[in-house]
């Protein structure tokens, strides 16, 4: 059941932020992105989760950066580079406001 799973993952995200568990934060974001992508077909939220997770994993030098990067590659393959870039641009614009 993916709706309750997202609720628990969001709670986990809050806790990980509070305690400073950076690696756990990225793992939780990857799991959330997987649900958004695979189950809900919510590509913008999936891209947001995967990009943030990738950046965190990369910053801490974790080999786990491959997981969100692989998902991002699957998204590009599914929707095309142009649509992917459009979503990324929209996310960047949202973060500026």
Protein backbone atom coordinates (compact mmCIF):
# COMPACT_ATOMS: atom_id res chain seq x y z
CA UNK A 1 0.00 0.00 0.00
CA UNK A 2 1.89 3.01 -1.31
CA UNK A 3 -0.09 5.88 0.22
CA UNK A 4 0.68 4.84 3.81
CA UNK A 5 4.26 4.11 2.75
CA UNK A 6 4.63 7.70 1.53
CA UNK A 7 3.21 9.01 4.81
CA UNK A 8 5.77 6.98 6.78
CA UNK A 9 8.58 8.01 4.45
CA UNK A 10 7.65 11.68 4.91
CA UNK A 11 7.75 11.19 8.69
CA UNK A 12 11.09 9.45 8.32
CA UNK A 13 12.34 12.37 6.24
CA UNK A 14 11.43 14.82 9.01
CA UNK A 15 13.15 12.72 11.67
CA UNK A 16 16.29 12.26 9.59
CA UNK A 17 16.45 16.02 9.02
CA UNK A 18 16.05 16.68 12.75
CA UNK A 19 18.81 14.27 13.77
CA UNK A 20 21.15 15.17 10.92
CA UNK A 21 21.16 11.74 9.27
CA UNK A 22 22.29 12.91 5.83
CA UNK A 23 22.79 9.47 4.30
CA UNK A 24 19.42 8.33 5.64
CA UNK A 25 17.83 11.47 4.22
CA UNK A 26 19.11 10.63 0.75
CA UNK A 27 18.00 7.01 1.09
CA UNK A 28 14.51 8.08 2.13
CA UNK A 29 14.32 10.51 -0.79
CA UNK A 30 15.34 7.73 -3.16
CA UNK A 31 12.61 5.48 -1.77
CA UNK A 32 10.03 8.25 -2.08
CA UNK A 33 11.13 8.95 -5.63
CA UNK A 34 10.74 5.28 -6.51
CA UNK A 35 7.13 5.32 -5.33
CA UNK A 36 6.40 8.57 -7.17
CA UNK A 37 7.92 7.17 -10.37
CA UNK A 38 6.95 3.51 -10.35
CA UNK A 39 3.59 3.55 -8.62
CA UNK A 40 2.11 7.02 -8.93
CA UNK A 41 3.61 8.13 -12.27
CA UNK A 42 4.28 11.51 -10.62
CA UNK A 43 7.37 12.36 -12.63
CA UNK A 44 8.01 15.90 -11.29
CA UNK A 45 8.02 14.71 -7.65
CA UNK A 46 10.12 11.70 -8.58
CA UNK A 47 12.69 13.90 -10.36
CA UNK A 48 12.82 16.25 -7.39
CA UNK A 49 13.43 13.40 -4.94
CA UNK A 50 16.02 11.69 -7.12
CA UNK A 51 17.94 14.87 -7.90
CA UNK A 52 18.14 15.85 -4.24
CA UNK A 53 19.14 12.32 -3.20
CA UNK A 54 21.81 12.22 -5.91
CA UNK A 55 23.25 15.57 -4.81
CA UNK A 56 23.40 14.45 -1.18
CA UNK A 57 24.99 11.09 -1.98
CA UNK A 58 27.50 12.78 -4.27
CA UNK A 59 28.34 15.39 -1.63
CA UNK A 60 29.11 12.73 0.98
CA UNK A 61 30.97 10.54 -1.51
CA UNK A 62 28.56 7.63 -1.29
CA UNK A 63 28.45 4.92 -3.96
CA UNK A 64 24.68 4.95 -3.39
CA UNK A 65 24.52 7.92 -5.77
CA UNK A 66 24.09 5.36 -8.54
CA UNK A 67 20.53 4.47 -7.45
CA UNK A 68 18.92 7.89 -7.94
CA UNK A 69 21.06 8.46 -11.03
CA UNK A 70 19.80 5.21 -12.55
CA UNK A 71 16.23 6.26 -11.84
CA UNK A 72 16.84 9.65 -13.46
CA UNK A 73 18.19 7.84 -16.51
CA UNK A 74 15.06 5.68 -16.63
CA UNK A 75 12.90 8.79 -16.45
CA UNK A 76 14.78 10.42 -19.33
CA UNK A 77 14.37 7.23 -21.33
CA UNK A 78 10.63 7.18 -20.62
CA UNK A 79 9.76 10.84 -21.21
CA UNK A 80 12.63 12.11 -23.38
CA UNK A 81 15.40 14.61 -22.73
CA UNK A 82 13.37 17.70 -23.67
CA UNK A 83 10.52 16.93 -21.27
CA UNK A 84 13.01 16.01 -18.55
CA UNK A 85 14.81 19.34 -18.95
CA UNK A 86 11.47 21.13 -18.82
CA UNK A 87 10.69 19.47 -15.48
CA UNK A 88 14.15 20.29 -14.13
CA UNK A 89 13.70 23.93 -15.14
CA UNK A 90 10.30 24.08 -13.44
CA UNK A 91 11.78 22.62 -10.25
CA UNK A 92 14.62 25.13 -10.31
CA UNK A 93 12.15 27.98 -10.77
CA UNK A 94 10.09 26.70 -7.81
CA UNK A 95 13.19 26.61 -5.62
CA UNK A 96 13.97 30.23 -6.44
CA UNK A 97 10.64 31.44 -5.06
